[in-house]
N, C-alpha and C. Protein backbone atom coordinates (compact mmCIF):
# COMPACT_ATOMS: atom_id res chain seq x y z
N MET A 1 1.67 11.48 8.12
CA MET A 1 2.33 10.19 8.22
C MET A 1 2.10 9.54 9.57
N GLY A 2 1.05 9.90 10.28
CA GLY A 2 0.79 9.36 11.59
C GLY A 2 0.02 8.06 11.58
N ARG A 3 -0.36 7.56 10.40
CA ARG A 3 -1.14 6.34 10.33
C ARG A 3 -0.25 5.12 10.52
N ALA A 4 -0.84 4.08 11.14
CA ALA A 4 -0.10 2.84 11.32
C ALA A 4 0.00 2.09 9.99
N PHE A 5 -0.98 2.24 9.16
CA PHE A 5 -1.01 1.58 7.86
C PHE A 5 -1.05 2.65 6.78
N VAL A 6 -0.54 2.32 5.63
CA VAL A 6 -0.60 3.26 4.51
C VAL A 6 -2.04 3.39 4.03
N TYR A 7 -2.71 2.27 3.94
CA TYR A 7 -4.07 2.27 3.40
C TYR A 7 -5.10 2.29 4.53
N ASP A 8 -6.31 2.65 4.16
CA ASP A 8 -7.43 2.64 5.10
C ASP A 8 -8.00 1.22 5.11
N ILE A 9 -7.67 0.47 6.13
CA ILE A 9 -8.02 -0.95 6.18
C ILE A 9 -9.53 -1.16 6.15
N ASP A 10 -10.29 -0.27 6.78
CA ASP A 10 -11.75 -0.41 6.76
C ASP A 10 -12.29 -0.21 5.34
N PHE A 11 -11.72 0.72 4.61
CA PHE A 11 -12.15 0.94 3.23
C PHE A 11 -11.85 -0.29 2.38
N ILE A 12 -10.68 -0.87 2.55
CA ILE A 12 -10.31 -2.07 1.79
C ILE A 12 -11.25 -3.22 2.13
N ARG A 13 -11.58 -3.38 3.40
CA ARG A 13 -12.52 -4.44 3.81
C ARG A 13 -13.89 -4.24 3.18
N ARG A 14 -14.38 -2.99 3.23
CA ARG A 14 -15.69 -2.71 2.63
C ARG A 14 -15.66 -2.97 1.13
N LEU A 15 -14.60 -2.53 0.49
CA LEU A 15 -14.48 -2.71 -0.95
C LEU A 15 -14.44 -4.20 -1.31
N CYS A 16 -13.68 -4.99 -0.58
CA CYS A 16 -13.62 -6.43 -0.83
C CYS A 16 -14.97 -7.09 -0.54
N GLY A 17 -15.65 -6.66 0.51
CA GLY A 17 -16.99 -7.18 0.79
C GLY A 17 -17.96 -6.85 -0.31
N ASP A 18 -17.90 -5.62 -0.81
CA ASP A 18 -18.76 -5.22 -1.94
C ASP A 18 -18.46 -6.08 -3.16
N LEU A 19 -17.19 -6.32 -3.41
CA LEU A 19 -16.80 -7.17 -4.55
C LEU A 19 -17.34 -8.59 -4.39
N ALA A 20 -17.26 -9.13 -3.19
CA ALA A 20 -17.71 -10.50 -2.95
C ALA A 20 -19.22 -10.64 -3.14
N ARG A 21 -19.98 -9.59 -2.81
CA ARG A 21 -21.43 -9.65 -2.91
C ARG A 21 -21.97 -9.24 -4.28
N GLU A 22 -21.19 -8.53 -5.04
CA GLU A 22 -21.66 -7.94 -6.29
C GLU A 22 -21.90 -9.02 -7.35
N LYS A 23 -23.00 -8.88 -8.09
CA LYS A 23 -23.36 -9.82 -9.16
C LYS A 23 -23.20 -9.20 -10.54
N ASP A 24 -23.30 -7.89 -10.63
CA ASP A 24 -23.24 -7.19 -11.92
C ASP A 24 -21.79 -7.13 -12.41
N PRO A 25 -21.51 -7.74 -13.57
CA PRO A 25 -20.13 -7.74 -14.09
C PRO A 25 -19.53 -6.35 -14.28
N ALA A 26 -20.34 -5.40 -14.70
CA ALA A 26 -19.83 -4.03 -14.90
C ALA A 26 -19.43 -3.41 -13.56
N LYS A 27 -20.23 -3.64 -12.53
CA LYS A 27 -19.92 -3.11 -11.20
C LYS A 27 -18.69 -3.82 -10.61
N ILE A 28 -18.58 -5.13 -10.87
CA ILE A 28 -17.40 -5.87 -10.41
C ILE A 28 -16.15 -5.30 -11.06
N HIS A 29 -16.23 -5.02 -12.33
CA HIS A 29 -15.10 -4.43 -13.05
C HIS A 29 -14.74 -3.07 -12.45
N GLU A 30 -15.74 -2.26 -12.17
CA GLU A 30 -15.52 -0.94 -11.58
C GLU A 30 -14.87 -1.05 -10.20
N LEU A 31 -15.39 -1.94 -9.37
CA LEU A 31 -14.84 -2.13 -8.02
C LEU A 31 -13.42 -2.69 -8.06
N THR A 32 -13.17 -3.61 -9.00
CA THR A 32 -11.83 -4.17 -9.16
C THR A 32 -10.83 -3.09 -9.57
N ASN A 33 -11.25 -2.24 -10.49
CA ASN A 33 -10.37 -1.14 -10.90
C ASN A 33 -10.08 -0.20 -9.75
N LEU A 34 -11.08 0.07 -8.92
CA LEU A 34 -10.88 0.92 -7.76
C LEU A 34 -9.90 0.28 -6.78
N LEU A 35 -10.06 -1.02 -6.53
CA LEU A 35 -9.15 -1.73 -5.63
C LEU A 35 -7.72 -1.68 -6.17
N ARG A 36 -7.56 -1.92 -7.46
CA ARG A 36 -6.22 -1.84 -8.07
C ARG A 36 -5.62 -0.46 -7.91
N ALA A 37 -6.42 0.57 -8.11
CA ALA A 37 -5.93 1.94 -7.99
C ALA A 37 -5.48 2.24 -6.56
N VAL A 38 -6.25 1.78 -5.58
CA VAL A 38 -5.90 2.00 -4.18
C VAL A 38 -4.59 1.28 -3.84
N VAL A 39 -4.46 0.04 -4.29
CA VAL A 39 -3.25 -0.73 -4.01
C VAL A 39 -2.05 -0.09 -4.69
N LYS A 40 -2.22 0.34 -5.93
CA LYS A 40 -1.12 0.98 -6.66
C LYS A 40 -0.67 2.27 -5.95
N GLU A 41 -1.64 3.05 -5.50
CA GLU A 41 -1.31 4.29 -4.78
C GLU A 41 -0.56 3.97 -3.49
N ASP A 42 -1.01 2.93 -2.78
CA ASP A 42 -0.34 2.55 -1.55
C ASP A 42 1.08 2.04 -1.81
N GLN A 43 1.26 1.29 -2.89
CA GLN A 43 2.59 0.81 -3.23
C GLN A 43 3.53 1.97 -3.52
N GLU A 44 3.02 2.98 -4.21
CA GLU A 44 3.83 4.15 -4.50
C GLU A 44 4.20 4.89 -3.22
N GLU A 45 3.27 5.00 -2.30
CA GLU A 45 3.54 5.66 -1.02
C GLU A 45 4.62 4.89 -0.25
N VAL A 46 4.54 3.57 -0.24
CA VAL A 46 5.54 2.76 0.44
C VAL A 46 6.90 2.94 -0.23
N ARG A 47 6.93 2.95 -1.56
CA ARG A 47 8.18 3.15 -2.29
C ARG A 47 8.83 4.48 -1.92
N ILE A 48 8.02 5.52 -1.83
CA ILE A 48 8.52 6.85 -1.47
C ILE A 48 9.07 6.85 -0.05
N ARG A 49 8.35 6.22 0.87
CA ARG A 49 8.80 6.16 2.27
C ARG A 49 10.10 5.37 2.40
N LEU A 50 10.18 4.24 1.68
CA LEU A 50 11.41 3.44 1.75
C LEU A 50 12.60 4.19 1.16
N LYS A 51 12.36 4.91 0.10
CA LYS A 51 13.43 5.71 -0.50
C LYS A 51 13.92 6.76 0.50
N PHE A 52 12.99 7.41 1.18
CA PHE A 52 13.35 8.40 2.19
C PHE A 52 14.16 7.75 3.32
N LEU A 53 13.69 6.60 3.81
CA LEU A 53 14.39 5.92 4.89
C LEU A 53 15.80 5.49 4.46
N ALA A 54 15.90 4.98 3.25
CA ALA A 54 17.21 4.56 2.76
C ALA A 54 18.16 5.75 2.65
N LYS A 55 17.63 6.86 2.18
CA LYS A 55 18.46 8.05 2.03
C LYS A 55 18.85 8.61 3.40
N THR A 56 17.91 8.63 4.33
CA THR A 56 18.14 9.22 5.64
C THR A 56 18.96 8.32 6.56
N TYR A 57 18.67 7.02 6.55
CA TYR A 57 19.29 6.12 7.51
C TYR A 57 20.14 5.03 6.87
N GLY A 58 20.36 5.10 5.59
CA GLY A 58 21.11 4.07 4.88
C GLY A 58 22.51 3.87 5.42
N HIS A 59 23.13 4.93 5.88
CA HIS A 59 24.49 4.80 6.41
C HIS A 59 24.56 3.90 7.64
N PHE A 60 23.48 3.82 8.41
CA PHE A 60 23.46 2.92 9.57
C PHE A 60 23.55 1.46 9.14
N PHE A 61 22.88 1.14 8.06
CA PHE A 61 22.89 -0.24 7.57
C PHE A 61 24.24 -0.61 6.98
N SER A 62 24.82 0.27 6.22
CA SER A 62 26.12 -0.04 5.63
C SER A 62 27.20 -0.12 6.71
N ASP A 63 27.10 0.70 7.74
CA ASP A 63 28.06 0.67 8.85
C ASP A 63 27.92 -0.63 9.65
N SER A 64 26.69 -1.08 9.89
CA SER A 64 26.48 -2.29 10.68
C SER A 64 26.93 -3.52 9.90
N GLN A 65 26.82 -3.51 8.60
CA GLN A 65 27.27 -4.65 7.80
C GLN A 65 28.80 -4.70 7.77
N ALA A 66 29.44 -3.55 7.79
CA ALA A 66 30.90 -3.52 7.77
C ALA A 66 31.47 -4.09 9.06
N ALA A 67 30.74 -3.97 10.17
CA ALA A 67 31.22 -4.46 11.46
C ALA A 67 31.12 -5.97 11.56
N ASP A 68 30.27 -6.59 10.73
CA ASP A 68 30.08 -8.05 10.81
C ASP A 68 31.22 -8.81 10.25
């Protein structure tokens, strides 16, 4: 969990560049599916991290709202 970003930004850039240059519809479909899979995996990772943070530190938020 030492990464600043969940996803590999260079990989996403390369994948999007490949998509922009690609002319073959079958390859475009393949690359699009790969991009969707990467984004879905990253969304799941974020969901898991947020759930952990809410469970671990949620009491801080509820306490600070009660003080307002």
